[in-house]
Amino acid sequence: MQLVLGRVMRATIRAVQVVLRKLGRGSRAVVGRLVRAPRKGSVIVIEFSDGMHEYVTTPVKRVLRLAGREVFYIETVNSRYRLEVRGREVALDGAVGG
């Protein structure tokens, strides 16, 4: 919440549900809410549905996106992943009131 010249600004929270799969054999899918988006040099953070646990990758080296789809291929320092965006929720706009 911000206070600007006596006005309360409204909060906007965007929840993005994703599935992260490590490329290769025998890997399981991680399903949850994307907390930190994939950016070069930064880690990816996905929060599990219980709200208490997170999956954190090593720093990202490269991000590739399939044209016209919500599918990303991500290379980190020591792994490669496929990130699929399952749903976007634009929620809680104006939930903070004063």
PDB file of N, CA and C in Angstrom:
ATOM      1  N   MET A   1       0.850  -1.164   0.000  1.00  0.00           N
ATOM      2  CA  MET A   1       0.000   0.000   0.000  1.00  0.00           C
ATOM      3  C   MET A   1       0.897   1.228   0.000  1.00  0.00           C
ATOM      4  N   GLN A   2       0.558   2.190  -0.830  1.00  0.00           N
ATOM      5  CA  GLN A   2       1.334   3.417  -0.908  1.00  0.00           C
ATOM      6  C   GLN A   2       0.453   4.599  -0.547  1.00  0.00           C
ATOM      7  N   LEU A   3       1.059   5.598   0.015  1.00  0.00           N
ATOM      8  CA  LEU A   3       0.347   6.826   0.330  1.00  0.00           C
ATOM      9  C   LEU A   3       0.993   7.933  -0.473  1.00  0.00           C
ATOM     10  N   VAL A   4       0.229   8.514  -1.400  1.00  0.00           N
ATOM     11  CA  VAL A   4       0.755   9.563  -2.263  1.00  0.00           C
ATOM     12  C   VAL A   4      -0.148  10.771  -2.135  1.00  0.00           C
ATOM     13  N   LEU A   5       0.360  11.853  -1.579  1.00  0.00           N
ATOM     14  CA  LEU A   5      -0.379  13.098  -1.408  1.00  0.00           C
ATOM     15  C   LEU A   5      -1.763  12.875  -0.807  1.00  0.00           C
ATOM     16  N   GLY A   6      -1.796  12.093   0.263  1.00  0.00           N
ATOM     17  CA  GLY A   6      -3.043  11.870   0.970  1.00  0.00           C
ATOM     18  C   GLY A   6      -3.986  10.868   0.320  1.00  0.00           C
ATOM     19  N   ARG A   7      -3.556  10.191  -0.741  1.00  0.00           N
ATOM     20  CA  ARG A   7      -4.397   9.199  -1.408  1.00  0.00           C
ATOM     21  C   ARG A   7      -3.824   7.801  -1.181  1.00  0.00           C
ATOM     22  N   VAL A   8      -4.686   6.839  -1.044  1.00  0.00           N
ATOM     23  CA  VAL A   8      -4.262   5.456  -0.900  1.00  0.00           C
ATOM     24  C   VAL A   8      -4.316   4.805  -2.268  1.00  0.00           C
ATOM     25  N   MET A   9      -3.163   4.275  -2.715  1.00  0.00           N
ATOM     26  CA  MET A   9      -3.105   3.595  -4.006  1.00  0.00           C
ATOM     27  C   MET A   9      -3.575   2.158  -3.810  1.00  0.00           C
ATOM     28  N   ARG A  10      -4.237   1.608  -4.806  1.00  0.00           N
ATOM     29  CA  ARG A  10      -4.763   0.258  -4.708  1.00  0.00           C
ATOM     30  C   ARG A  10      -3.713  -0.771  -5.102  1.00  0.00           C
ATOM     31  N   ALA A  11      -3.789  -1.929  -4.467  1.00  0.00           N
ATOM     32  CA  ALA A  11      -2.843  -3.008  -4.737  1.00  0.00           C
ATOM     33  C   ALA A  11      -3.362  -3.891  -5.859  1.00  0.00           C
ATOM     34  N   THR A  12      -2.464  -4.337  -6.708  1.00  0.00           N
ATOM     35  CA  THR A  12      -2.801  -5.292  -7.752  1.00  0.00           C
ATOM     36  C   THR A  12      -1.881  -6.483  -7.595  1.00  0.00           C
ATOM     37  N   ILE A  13      -2.466  -7.650  -7.427  1.00  0.00           N
ATOM     38  CA  ILE A  13      -1.691  -8.871  -7.274  1.00  0.00           C
ATOM     39  C   ILE A  13      -2.034  -9.776  -8.442  1.00  0.00           C
ATOM     40  N   ARG A  14      -1.025 -10.239  -9.130  1.00  0.00           N
ATOM     41  CA  ARG A  14      -1.227 -11.143 -10.251  1.00  0.00           C
ATOM     42  C   ARG A  14      -0.626 -12.502  -9.897  1.00  0.00           C
ATOM     43  N   ALA A  15      -1.483 -13.493  -9.858  1.00  0.00           N
ATOM     44  CA  ALA A  15      -1.029 -14.859  -9.577  1.00  0.00           C
ATOM     45  C   ALA A  15      -0.907 -15.600 -10.900  1.00  0.00           C
ATOM     46  N   VAL A  16       0.231 -16.213 -11.103  1.00  0.00           N
ATOM     47  CA  VAL A  16       0.467 -16.979 -12.329  1.00  0.00           C
ATOM     48  C   VAL A  16       0.734 -18.425 -11.930  1.00  0.00           C
ATOM     49  N   GLN A  17      -0.151 -19.316 -12.338  1.00  0.00           N
ATOM     50  CA  GLN A  17       0.012 -20.734 -12.072  1.00  0.00           C
ATOM     51  C   GLN A  17       0.870 -21.349 -13.167  1.00  0.00           C
ATOM     52  N   VAL A  18       1.909 -22.090 -12.773  1.00  0.00           N
ATOM     53  CA  VAL A  18       2.850 -22.654 -13.736  1.00  0.00           C
ATOM     54  C   VAL A  18       3.154 -24.117 -13.427  1.00  0.00           C
ATOM     55  N   VAL A  19       3.687 -24.787 -14.448  1.00  0.00           N
ATOM     56  CA  VAL A  19       4.226 -26.139 -14.292  1.00  0.00           C
ATOM     57  C   VAL A  19       5.669 -26.076 -14.762  1.00  0.00           C
ATOM     58  N   LEU A  20       6.595 -26.456 -13.907  1.00  0.00           N
ATOM     59  CA  LEU A  20       8.017 -26.454 -14.222  1.00  0.00           C
ATOM     60  C   LEU A  20       8.496 -27.902 -14.277  1.00  0.00           C
ATOM     61  N   ARG A  21       9.066 -28.283 -15.426  1.00  0.00           N
ATOM     62  CA  ARG A  21       9.583 -29.642 -15.591  1.00  0.00           C
ATOM     63  C   ARG A  21      11.063 -29.568 -15.928  1.00  0.00           C
ATOM     64  N   LYS A  22      11.843 -30.318 -15.209  1.00  0.00           N
ATOM     65  CA  LYS A  22      13.260 -30.419 -15.516  1.00  0.00           C
ATOM     66  C   LYS A  22      13.394 -31.334 -16.727  1.00  0.00           C
ATOM     67  N   LEU A  23      14.174 -30.927 -17.715  1.00  0.00           N
ATOM     68  CA  LEU A  23      14.351 -31.737 -18.913  1.00  0.00           C
ATOM     69  C   LEU A  23      15.285 -32.894 -18.621  1.00  0.00           C
ATOM     70  N   GLY A  24      14.952 -34.034 -19.139  1.00  0.00           N
ATOM     71  CA  GLY A  24      15.742 -35.240 -18.884  1.00  0.00           C
ATOM     72  C   GLY A  24      14.863 -36.341 -18.341  1.00  0.00           C
ATOM     73  N   ARG A  25      15.477 -37.449 -18.033  1.00  0.00           N
ATOM     74  CA  ARG A  25      14.744 -38.618 -17.559  1.00  0.00           C
ATOM     75  C   ARG A  25      14.432 -38.561 -16.081  1.00  0.00           C
ATOM     76  N   GLY A  26      13.259 -39.106 -15.750  1.00  0.00           N
ATOM     77  CA  GLY A  26      12.920 -39.300 -14.344  1.00  0.00           C
ATOM     78  C   GLY A  26      12.672 -38.057 -13.529  1.00  0.00           C
ATOM     79  N   SER A  27      12.334 -36.965 -14.153  1.00  0.00           N
ATOM     80  CA  SER A  27      12.098 -35.753 -13.373  1.00  0.00           C
ATOM     81  C   SER A  27      10.607 -35.563 -13.160  1.00  0.00           C
ATOM     82  N   ARG A  28      10.243 -35.019 -12.020  1.00  0.00           N
ATOM     83  CA  ARG A  28       8.836 -34.789 -11.726  1.00  0.00           C
ATOM     84  C   ARG A  28       8.498 -33.320 -11.981  1.00  0.00           C
ATOM     85  N   ALA A  29       7.225 -33.067 -12.190  1.00  0.00           N
ATOM     86  CA  ALA A  29       6.768 -31.705 -12.450  1.00  0.00           C
ATOM     87  C   ALA A  29       6.560 -30.967 -11.135  1.00  0.00           C
ATOM     88  N   VAL A  30       6.879 -29.682 -11.135  1.00  0.00           N
ATOM     89  CA  VAL A  30       6.633 -28.805  -9.994  1.00  0.00           C
ATOM     90  C   VAL A  30       5.482 -27.887 -10.397  1.00  0.00           C
ATOM     91  N   VAL A  31       4.379 -27.957  -9.668  1.00  0.00           N
ATOM     92  CA  VAL A  31       3.197 -27.159  -9.969  1.00  0.00           C
ATOM     93  C   VAL A  31       3.002 -26.165  -8.842  1.00  0.00           C
ATOM     94  N   GLY A  32       2.777 -24.906  -9.197  1.00  0.00           N
ATOM     95  CA  GLY A  32       2.564 -23.891  -8.173  1.00  0.00           C
ATOM     96  C   GLY A  32       2.455 -22.507  -8.752  1.00  0.00           C
ATOM     97  N   ARG A  33       2.598 -21.511  -7.875  1.00  0.00           N
ATOM     98  CA  ARG A  33       2.484 -20.107  -8.245  1.00  0.00           C
ATOM     99  C   ARG A  33       3.875 -19.528  -8.464  1.00  0.00           C
ATOM    100  N   LEU A  34       4.036 -18.857  -9.575  1.00  0.00           N
ATOM    101  CA  LEU A  34       5.329 -18.240  -9.896  1.00  0.00           C
ATOM    102  C   LEU A  34       5.520 -17.005  -9.028  1.00  0.00           C
ATOM    103  N   VAL A  35       6.552 -17.034  -8.192  1.00  0.00           N
ATOM    104  CA  VAL A  35       6.837 -15.920  -7.289  1.00  0.00           C
ATOM    105  C   VAL A  35       7.842 -14.971  -7.925  1.00  0.00           C
ATOM    106  N   ARG A  36       8.865 -15.518  -8.546  1.00  0.00           N
ATOM    107  CA  ARG A  36       9.884 -14.700  -9.195  1.00  0.00           C
ATOM    108  C   ARG A  36      10.035 -15.170 -10.638  1.00  0.00           C
ATOM    109  N   ALA A  37       9.836 -14.259 -11.558  1.00  0.00           N
ATOM    110  CA  ALA A  37       9.888 -14.577 -12.985  1.00  0.00           C
ATOM    111  C   ALA A  37      11.309 -14.902 -13.421  1.00  0.00           C
ATOM    112  N   PRO A  38      11.441 -15.706 -14.479  1.00  0.00           N
ATOM    113  CA  PRO A  38      12.777 -16.056 -14.964  1.00  0.00           C
ATOM    114  C   PRO A  38      13.459 -14.884 -15.659  1.00  0.00           C
ATOM    115  N   ARG A  39      14.547 -14.423 -15.093  1.00  0.00           N
ATOM    116  CA  ARG A  39      15.370 -13.355 -15.674  1.00  0.00           C
ATOM    117  C   ARG A  39      16.816 -13.792 -15.605  1.00  0.00           C
ATOM    118  N   LYS A  40      17.580 -13.377 -16.574  1.00  0.00           N
ATOM    119  CA  LYS A  40      18.990 -13.743 -16.621  1.00  0.00           C
ATOM    120  C   LYS A  40      19.692 -13.270 -15.348  1.00  0.00           C
ATOM    121  N   GLY A  41      20.408 -14.195 -14.713  1.00  0.00           N
ATOM    122  CA  GLY A  41      21.160 -13.875 -13.494  1.00  0.00           C
ATOM    123  C   GLY A  41      20.375 -14.037 -12.213  1.00  0.00           C
ATOM    124  N   SER A  42      19.062 -14.268 -12.312  1.00  0.00           N
ATOM    125  CA  SER A  42      18.217 -14.393 -11.135  1.00  0.00           C
ATOM    126  C   SER A  42      17.713 -15.828 -11.009  1.00  0.00           C
ATOM    127  N   VAL A  43      17.281 -16.221  -9.833  1.00  0.00           N
ATOM    128  CA  VAL A  43      16.722 -17.553  -9.635  1.00  0.00           C
ATOM    129  C   VAL A  43      15.226 -17.525  -9.916  1.00  0.00           C
ATOM    130  N   ILE A  44      14.649 -18.691 -10.202  1.00  0.00           N
ATOM    131  CA  ILE A  44      13.203 -18.827 -10.363  1.00  0.00           C
ATOM    132  C   ILE A  44      12.662 -19.375  -9.057  1.00  0.00           C
ATOM    133  N   VAL A  45      11.571 -18.787  -8.566  1.00  0.00           N
ATOM    134  CA  VAL A  45      10.952 -19.245  -7.329  1.00  0.00           C
ATOM    135  C   VAL A  45       9.502 -19.603  -7.620  1.00  0.00           C
ATOM    136  N   ILE A  46       9.116 -20.834  -7.254  1.00  0.00           N
ATOM    137  CA  ILE A  46       7.744 -21.297  -7.409  1.00  0.00           C
ATOM    138  C   ILE A  46       7.244 -21.722  -6.039  1.00  0.00           C
ATOM    139  N   GLU A  47       6.108 -21.162  -5.637  1.00  0.00           N
ATOM    140  CA  GLU A  47       5.519 -21.475  -4.342  1.00  0.00           C
ATOM    141  C   GLU A  47       4.507 -22.603  -4.517  1.00  0.00           C
ATOM    142  N   PHE A  48       4.619 -23.639  -3.676  1.00  0.00           N
ATOM    143  CA  PHE A  48       3.669 -24.741  -3.716  1.00  0.00           C
ATOM    144  C   PHE A  48       2.309 -24.283  -3.190  1.00  0.00           C
ATOM    145  N   SER A  49       1.278 -25.047  -3.478  1.00  0.00           N
ATOM    146  CA  SER A  49      -0.085 -24.667  -3.109  1.00  0.00           C
ATOM    147  C   SER A  49      -0.304 -24.573  -1.600  1.00  0.00           C
ATOM    148  N   ASP A  50       0.544 -25.226  -0.808  1.00  0.00           N
ATOM    149  CA  ASP A  50       0.379 -25.139   0.648  1.00  0.00           C
ATOM    150  C   ASP A  50       0.809 -23.783   1.195  1.00  0.00           C
ATOM    151  N   GLY A  51       1.503 -22.992   0.384  1.00  0.00           N
ATOM    152  CA  GLY A  51       1.928 -21.658   0.798  1.00  0.00           C
ATOM    153  C   GLY A  51       3.093 -21.642   1.765  1.00  0.00           C
ATOM    154  N   MET A  52       3.641 -22.800   2.089  1.00  0.00           N
ATOM    155  CA  MET A  52       4.722 -22.872   3.063  1.00  0.00           C
ATOM    156  C   MET A  52       6.051 -23.316   2.464  1.00  0.00           C
ATOM    157  N   HIS A  53       6.015 -23.888   1.267  1.00  0.00           N
ATOM    158  CA  HIS A  53       7.226 -24.412   0.653  1.00  0.00           C
ATOM    159  C   HIS A  53       7.442 -23.788  -0.714  1.00  0.00           C
ATOM    160  N   GLU A  54       8.702 -23.687  -1.102  1.00  0.00           N
ATOM    161  CA  GLU A  54       9.065 -23.100  -2.392  1.00  0.00           C
ATOM    162  C   GLU A  54      10.080 -23.982  -3.098  1.00  0.00           C
ATOM    163  N   TYR A  55      10.075 -23.905  -4.419  1.00  0.00           N
ATOM    164  CA  TYR A  55      11.082 -24.557  -5.248  1.00  0.00           C
ATOM    165  C   TYR A  55      11.936 -23.440  -5.827  1.00  0.00           C
ATOM    166  N   VAL A  56      13.225 -23.501  -5.632  1.00  0.00           N
ATOM    167  CA  VAL A  56      14.137 -22.451  -6.089  1.00  0.00           C
ATOM    168  C   VAL A  56      15.195 -23.079  -6.994  1.00  0.00           C
ATOM    169  N   THR A  57      15.396 -22.480  -8.168  1.00  0.00           N
ATOM    170  CA  THR A  57      16.404 -22.982  -9.101  1.00  0.00           C
ATOM    171  C   THR A  57      17.729 -22.268  -8.875  1.00  0.00           C
ATOM    172  N   THR A  58      18.735 -22.713  -9.582  1.00  0.00           N
ATOM    173  CA  THR A  58      20.000 -21.983  -9.619  1.00  0.00           C
ATOM    174  C   THR A  58      19.820 -20.776 -10.560  1.00  0.00           C
ATOM    175  N   PRO A  59      20.750 -19.839 -10.611  1.00  0.00           N
ATOM    176  CA  PRO A  59      20.586 -18.644 -11.457  1.00  0.00           C
ATOM    177  C   PRO A  59      20.394 -18.985 -12.944  1.00  0.00           C
ATOM    178  N   VAL A  60      19.533 -18.213 -13.580  1.00  0.00           N
ATOM    179  CA  VAL A  60      19.164 -18.410 -14.985  1.00  0.00           C
ATOM    180  C   VAL A  60      20.259 -17.880 -15.906  1.00  0.00           C
ATOM    181  N   LYS A  61      20.596 -18.689 -16.927  1.00  0.00           N
ATOM    182  CA  LYS A  61      21.557 -18.261 -17.949  1.00  0.00           C
ATOM    183  C   LYS A  61      20.854 -17.796 -19.218  1.00  0.00           C
ATOM    184  N   ARG A  62      19.750 -18.489 -19.581  1.00  0.00           N
ATOM    185  CA  ARG A  62      19.092 -18.204 -20.856  1.00  0.00           C
ATOM    186  C   ARG A  62      17.606 -18.535 -20.753  1.00  0.00           C
ATOM    187  N   VAL A  63      16.754 -17.705 -21.399  1.00  0.00           N
ATOM    188  CA  VAL A  63      15.311 -17.943 -21.455  1.00  0.00           C
ATOM    189  C   VAL A  63      14.880 -17.882 -22.909  1.00  0.00           C
ATOM    190  N   LEU A  64      14.212 -18.942 -23.381  1.00  0.00           N
ATOM    191  CA  LEU A  64      13.677 -18.986 -24.739  1.00  0.00           C
ATOM    192  C   LEU A  64      12.178 -19.193 -24.648  1.00  0.00           C
ATOM    193  N   ARG A  65      11.416 -18.515 -25.528  1.00  0.00           N
ATOM    194  CA  ARG A  65       9.960 -18.645 -25.519  1.00  0.00           C
ATOM    195  C   ARG A  65       9.483 -19.172 -26.859  1.00  0.00           C
ATOM    196  N   LEU A  66       8.550 -20.126 -26.820  1.00  0.00           N
ATOM    197  CA  LEU A  66       7.940 -20.613 -28.049  1.00  0.00           C
ATOM    198  C   LEU A  66       6.961 -19.558 -28.548  1.00  0.00           C
ATOM    199  N   ALA A  67       7.054 -19.215 -29.825  1.00  0.00           N
ATOM    200  CA  ALA A  67       6.221 -18.161 -30.403  1.00  0.00           C
ATOM    201  C   ALA A  67       4.744 -18.531 -30.304  1.00  0.00           C
ATOM    202  N   GLY A  68       3.941 -17.583 -29.839  1.00  0.00           N
ATOM    203  CA  GLY A  68       2.507 -17.771 -29.775  1.00  0.00           C
ATOM    204  C   GLY A  68       2.016 -18.660 -28.655  1.00  0.00           C
ATOM    205  N   ARG A  69       2.890 -19.113 -27.797  1.00  0.00           N
ATOM    206  CA  ARG A  69       2.497 -19.999 -26.698  1.00  0.00           C
ATOM    207  C   ARG A  69       3.084 -19.514 -25.390  1.00  0.00           C
ATOM    208  N   GLU A  70       2.501 -19.957 -24.312  1.00  0.00           N
ATOM    209  CA  GLU A  70       2.986 -19.615 -22.970  1.00  0.00           C
ATOM    210  C   GLU A  70       3.912 -20.720 -22.460  1.00  0.00           C
ATOM    211  N   VAL A  71       4.896 -21.086 -23.283  1.00  0.00           N
ATOM    212  CA  VAL A  71       5.862 -22.124 -22.924  1.00  0.00           C
ATOM    213  C   VAL A  71       7.262 -21.527 -23.055  1.00  0.00           C
ATOM    214  N   PHE A  72       8.068 -21.702 -22.005  1.00  0.00           N
ATOM    215  CA  PHE A  72       9.418 -21.176 -21.967  1.00  0.00           C
ATOM    216  C   PHE A  72      10.403 -22.313 -21.722  1.00  0.00           C
ATOM    217  N   TYR A  73      11.536 -22.257 -22.384  1.00  0.00           N
ATOM    218  CA  TYR A  73      12.640 -23.175 -22.098  1.00  0.00           C
ATOM    219  C   TYR A  73      13.709 -22.360 -21.398  1.00  0.00           C
ATOM    220  N   ILE A  74      14.115 -22.836 -20.245  1.00  0.00           N
ATOM    221  CA  ILE A  74      15.017 -22.071 -19.384  1.00  0.00           C
ATOM    222  C   ILE A  74      16.258 -22.892 -19.100  1.00  0.00           C
ATOM    223  N   GLU A  75      17.415 -22.263 -19.282  1.00  0.00           N
ATOM    224  CA  GLU A  75      18.691 -22.893 -18.936  1.00  0.00           C
ATOM    225  C   GLU A  75      19.249 -22.167 -17.716  1.00  0.00           C
ATOM    226  N   THR A  76      19.535 -22.946 -16.670  1.00  0.00           N
ATOM    227  CA  THR A  76      20.159 -22.372 -15.479  1.00  0.00           C
ATOM    228  C   THR A  76      21.626 -22.783 -15.469  1.00  0.00           C
ATOM    229  N   VAL A  77      22.302 -22.458 -14.405  1.00  0.00           N
ATOM    230  CA  VAL A  77      23.721 -22.765 -14.291  1.00  0.00           C
ATOM    231  C   VAL A  77      23.992 -24.257 -14.463  1.00  0.00           C
ATOM    232  N   ASN A  78      23.109 -25.114 -13.906  1.00  0.00           N
ATOM    233  CA  ASN A  78      23.380 -26.547 -13.987  1.00  0.00           C
ATOM    234  C   ASN A  78      22.204 -27.399 -14.460  1.00  0.00           C
ATOM    235  N   SER A  79      21.109 -26.804 -14.946  1.00  0.00           N
ATOM    236  CA  SER A  79      19.950 -27.581 -15.384  1.00  0.00           C
ATOM    237  C   SER A  79      19.213 -26.876 -16.515  1.00  0.00           C
ATOM    238  N   ARG A  80      18.317 -27.643 -17.152  1.00  0.00           N
ATOM    239  CA  ARG A  80      17.427 -27.080 -18.167  1.00  0.00           C
ATOM    240  C   ARG A  80      15.989 -27.423 -17.797  1.00  0.00           C
ATOM    241  N   TYR A  81      15.073 -26.474 -18.001  1.00  0.00           N
ATOM    242  CA  TYR A  81      13.685 -26.625 -17.595  1.00  0.00           C
ATOM    243  C   TYR A  81      12.746 -26.210 -18.716  1.00  0.00           C
ATOM    244  N   ARG A  82      11.510 -26.747 -18.629  1.00  0.00           N
ATOM    245  CA  ARG A  82      10.399 -26.310 -19.474  1.00  0.00           C
ATOM    246  C   ARG A  82       9.372 -25.714 -18.529  1.00  0.00           C
ATOM    247  N   LEU A  83       9.030 -24.435 -18.735  1.00  0.00           N
ATOM    248  CA  LEU A  83       8.074 -23.727 -17.881  1.00  0.00           C
ATOM    249  C   LEU A  83       6.823 -23.458 -18.700  1.00  0.00           C
ATOM    250  N   GLU A  84       5.699 -23.981 -18.238  1.00  0.00           N
ATOM    251  CA  GLU A  84       4.425 -23.805 -18.936  1.00  0.00           C
ATOM    252  C   GLU A  84       3.494 -22.994 -18.048  1.00  0.00           C
ATOM    253  N   VAL A  85       2.987 -21.888 -18.586  1.00  0.00           N
ATOM    254  CA  VAL A  85       2.042 -21.054 -17.846  1.00  0.00           C
ATOM    255  C   VAL A  85       0.663 -21.670 -18.012  1.00  0.00           C
ATOM    256  N   ARG A  86       0.040 -22.033 -16.904  1.00  0.00           N
ATOM    257  CA  ARG A  86      -1.266 -22.692 -16.935  1.00  0.00           C
ATOM    258  C   ARG A  86      -2.414 -21.706 -16.799  1.00  0.00           C
ATOM    259  N   GLY A  87      -2.236 -20.687 -16.015  1.00  0.00           N
ATOM    260  CA  GLY A  87      -3.332 -19.744 -15.817  1.00  0.00           C
ATOM    261  C   GLY A  87      -2.851 -18.466 -15.179  1.00  0.00           C
ATOM    262  N   ARG A  88      -3.488 -17.394 -15.587  1.00  0.00           N
ATOM    263  CA  ARG A  88      -3.200 -16.087 -14.996  1.00  0.00           C
ATOM    264  C   ARG A  88      -4.469 -15.597 -14.328  1.00  0.00           C
ATOM    265  N   GLU A  89      -4.341 -15.095 -13.131  1.00  0.00           N
ATOM    266  CA  GLU A  89      -5.480 -14.528 -12.419  1.00  0.00           C
ATOM    267  C   GLU A  89      -5.159 -13.090 -12.099  1.00  0.00           C
ATOM    268  N   VAL A  90      -5.988 -12.192 -12.581  1.00  0.00           N
ATOM    269  CA  VAL A  90      -5.860 -10.792 -12.189  1.00  0.00           C
ATOM    270  C   VAL A  90      -6.831 -10.634 -11.037  1.00  0.00           C
ATOM    271  N   ALA A  91      -6.287 -10.578  -9.846  1.00  0.00           N
ATOM    272  CA  ALA A  91      -7.147 -10.638  -8.661  1.00  0.00           C
ATOM    273  C   ALA A  91      -6.792  -9.557  -7.665  1.00  0.00           C
ATOM    274  N   LEU A  92      -7.729  -9.297  -6.802  1.00  0.00           N
ATOM    275  CA  LEU A  92      -7.549  -8.399  -5.657  1.00  0.00           C
ATOM    276  C   LEU A  92      -7.244  -6.960  -6.046  1.00  0.00           C
ATOM    277  N   ASP A  93      -7.682  -6.526  -7.204  1.00  0.00           N
ATOM    278  CA  ASP A  93      -7.501  -5.119  -7.569  1.00  0.00           C
ATOM    279  C   ASP A  93      -8.439  -4.298  -6.686  1.00  0.00           C
ATOM    280  N   GLY A  94      -7.869  -3.458  -5.882  1.00  0.00           N
ATOM    281  CA  GLY A  94      -8.675  -2.655  -4.981  1.00  0.00           C
ATOM    282  C   GLY A  94      -8.976  -3.331  -3.657  1.00  0.00           C
ATOM    283  N   ALA A  95      -8.279  -4.402  -3.344  1.00  0.00           N
ATOM    284  CA  ALA A  95      -8.523  -5.108  -2.092  1.00  0.00           C
ATOM    285  C   ALA A  95      -8.026  -4.308  -0.895  1.00  0.00           C
ATOM    286  N   VAL A  96      -7.052  -3.432  -1.123  1.00  0.00           N
ATOM    287  CA  VAL A  96      -6.536  -2.606  -0.037  1.00  0.00           C
ATOM    288  C   VAL A  96      -7.314  -1.311  -0.040  1.00  0.00           C
ATOM    289  N   GLY A  97      -7.963  -1.043   1.052  1.00  0.00           N
ATOM    290  CA  GLY A  97      -8.773   0.171   1.145  1.00  0.00           C
ATOM    291  C   GLY A  97      -8.370   0.991   2.351  1.00  0.00           C
ATOM    292  N   GLY A  98      -8.780   2.218   2.353  1.00  0.00           N
ATOM    293  CA  GLY A  98      -8.374   3.053   3.464  1.00  0.00           C
ATOM    294  C   GLY A  98      -9.473   3.821   4.086  1.00  0.00           C
TER     295      GLY A  98
END
